[in-house]
Structures are given as C-alpha cells and as structure tokens.
C-alpha cells in the first residue's frame, strides 16, 4: 500500500488563478537535478474525489475539479501554504491506477 497525499481545488483555480504550471515545472526541474523519480501528478477530475465530496462543505456538483497527488506529504503541505485555497488530504492505494 502506498500513502498518497493530495491538494484538490477547482480546475479554474489551478489553471486560471494560480501559476500551477510554473510550480510543477520548477518541481520537475528540482527532481531532475537530484536524479529523483517524479512522484507527483496533476489530475483533472480525479476519480478518488467522488469519495471526498461528502466532506466538503463548499462542493458544487457543476464544478470541475483537479488535484495534485504526491507520495511526498511535505510537498502537499507546502502547496497548501503556497496556494491556501485548496483542500488537502490523503488516501491509500496499492497502485497509481486511481488516476483514471
């Protein structure tokens, strides 16, 4: 079992309001400079989100969501501090096929 950590927000927040592309590009370059394997993913409409909807007070069924998922808890905690308006959490899975 792997512990996955995530930051989820609306797609428009990630894609239009925050420089998420730049943040993820810099993170990728950082990993490459240390020969570290990429352990994070940017996912549109993540399937695991369906099980979280009851926990969110502000959930809007008509809204599209996106998530950044990582094996690195500290990265997600840093994203929460950097982006503020994201919901963070975690889940366990045996594989990365939760992405689809």
Protein backbone atom coordinates (compact mmCIF):
# COMPACT_ATOMS: atom_id res chain seq x y z
CA UNK A 1 0.00 0.00 0.00
CA UNK A 2 1.16 3.49 -0.85
CA UNK A 3 0.14 6.62 1.01
CA UNK A 4 -0.90 9.32 -1.43
CA UNK A 5 -1.34 12.93 -0.40
CA UNK A 6 -3.30 15.43 -2.44
CA UNK A 7 -4.33 19.03 -2.86
CA UNK A 8 -7.65 19.47 -4.66
CA UNK A 9 -9.35 22.61 -5.95
CA UNK A 10 -11.48 23.72 -8.85
CA UNK A 11 -9.91 23.42 -12.28
CA UNK A 12 -10.34 27.13 -12.83
CA UNK A 13 -8.43 27.86 -9.62
CA UNK A 14 -5.49 25.67 -10.64
CA UNK A 15 -5.48 26.57 -14.33
CA UNK A 16 -6.55 30.22 -14.37
CA UNK A 17 -5.88 31.78 -10.99
CA UNK A 18 -2.62 30.18 -9.83
CA UNK A 19 0.71 29.65 -11.61
CA UNK A 20 0.42 25.87 -11.18
CA UNK A 21 2.23 25.11 -14.43
CA UNK A 22 5.23 27.10 -13.23
CA UNK A 23 5.16 25.47 -9.79
CA UNK A 24 5.08 21.95 -11.25
CA UNK A 25 7.73 22.78 -13.85
CA UNK A 26 10.08 24.05 -11.12
CA UNK A 27 9.37 20.96 -9.01
CA UNK A 28 10.15 18.72 -12.00
CA UNK A 29 13.44 20.51 -12.61
CA UNK A 30 14.32 20.17 -8.93
CA UNK A 31 13.69 16.40 -9.07
CA UNK A 32 15.75 16.05 -12.24
CA UNK A 33 18.68 17.93 -10.73
CA UNK A 34 18.80 15.36 -7.92
CA UNK A 35 18.01 12.37 -10.18
CA UNK A 36 14.84 11.81 -8.18
CA UNK A 37 11.93 9.95 -9.73
CA UNK A 38 8.79 12.04 -10.25
CA UNK A 39 6.31 11.17 -7.52
CA UNK A 40 3.56 13.69 -8.21
CA UNK A 41 0.77 14.01 -10.76
CA UNK A 42 -1.65 16.72 -11.87
CA UNK A 43 -5.06 15.14 -12.48
CA UNK A 44 -8.23 16.60 -13.94
CA UNK A 45 -11.47 15.24 -12.46
CA UNK A 46 -9.75 12.71 -10.18
CA UNK A 47 -11.81 9.58 -9.56
CA UNK A 48 -10.87 9.41 -5.87
CA UNK A 49 -12.58 12.77 -5.39
CA UNK A 50 -16.02 11.13 -5.52
CA UNK A 51 -15.41 9.59 -2.10
CA UNK A 52 -14.47 13.00 -0.63
CA UNK A 53 -17.46 15.05 -1.75
CA UNK A 54 -19.40 14.46 1.46
CA UNK A 55 -16.52 16.00 3.45
CA UNK A 56 -16.53 19.28 1.55
CA UNK A 57 -18.93 21.98 2.66
CA UNK A 58 -18.41 24.05 -0.47
CA UNK A 59 -18.73 21.25 -3.02
CA UNK A 60 -20.56 22.27 -6.18
CA UNK A 61 -21.68 19.37 -8.41
CA UNK A 62 -21.45 21.55 -11.52
CA UNK A 63 -17.81 22.41 -10.96
CA UNK A 64 -14.84 20.54 -12.43
CA UNK A 65 -12.04 19.72 -10.05
CA UNK A 66 -8.34 18.99 -10.34
CA UNK A 67 -5.79 17.56 -7.94
CA UNK A 68 -2.09 17.38 -7.40
CA UNK A 69 -1.31 13.96 -5.95
CA UNK A 70 2.05 13.02 -4.49
CA UNK A 71 3.80 10.42 -2.38
CA UNK A 72 5.57 13.32 -0.67
CA UNK A 73 3.46 14.68 2.20
CA UNK A 74 5.74 17.68 2.70
CA UNK A 75 5.27 18.77 -0.92
CA UNK A 76 1.48 18.79 -0.48
CA UNK A 77 1.81 20.65 2.82
CA UNK A 78 3.99 23.24 1.07
CA UNK A 79 1.37 23.55 -1.70
CA UNK A 80 -1.31 24.18 0.94
CA UNK A 81 0.78 27.01 2.38
CA UNK A 82 1.57 28.38 -1.09
CA UNK A 83 -1.90 28.11 -2.62
CA UNK A 84 -4.09 28.44 0.53
CA UNK A 85 -7.46 27.77 -1.19
CA UNK A 86 -7.02 24.02 -1.67
CA UNK A 87 -8.38 21.06 0.24
CA UNK A 88 -5.68 18.62 1.31
CA UNK A 89 -5.98 15.03 2.39
CA UNK A 90 -4.62 11.56 1.84
CA UNK A 91 -5.64 8.05 0.92
CA UNK A 92 -4.05 4.65 0.47
CA UNK A 93 -3.86 2.63 -2.71
CA UNK A 94 -1.87 -0.32 -3.97
CA UNK A 95 -1.24 1.28 -7.35
CA UNK A 96 -1.42 4.53 -9.25
CA UNK A 97 -4.42 3.39 -11.26
CA UNK A 98 -6.64 5.58 -9.08
CA UNK A 99 -5.67 8.34 -11.51
CA UNK A 100 -8.09 7.19 -14.20
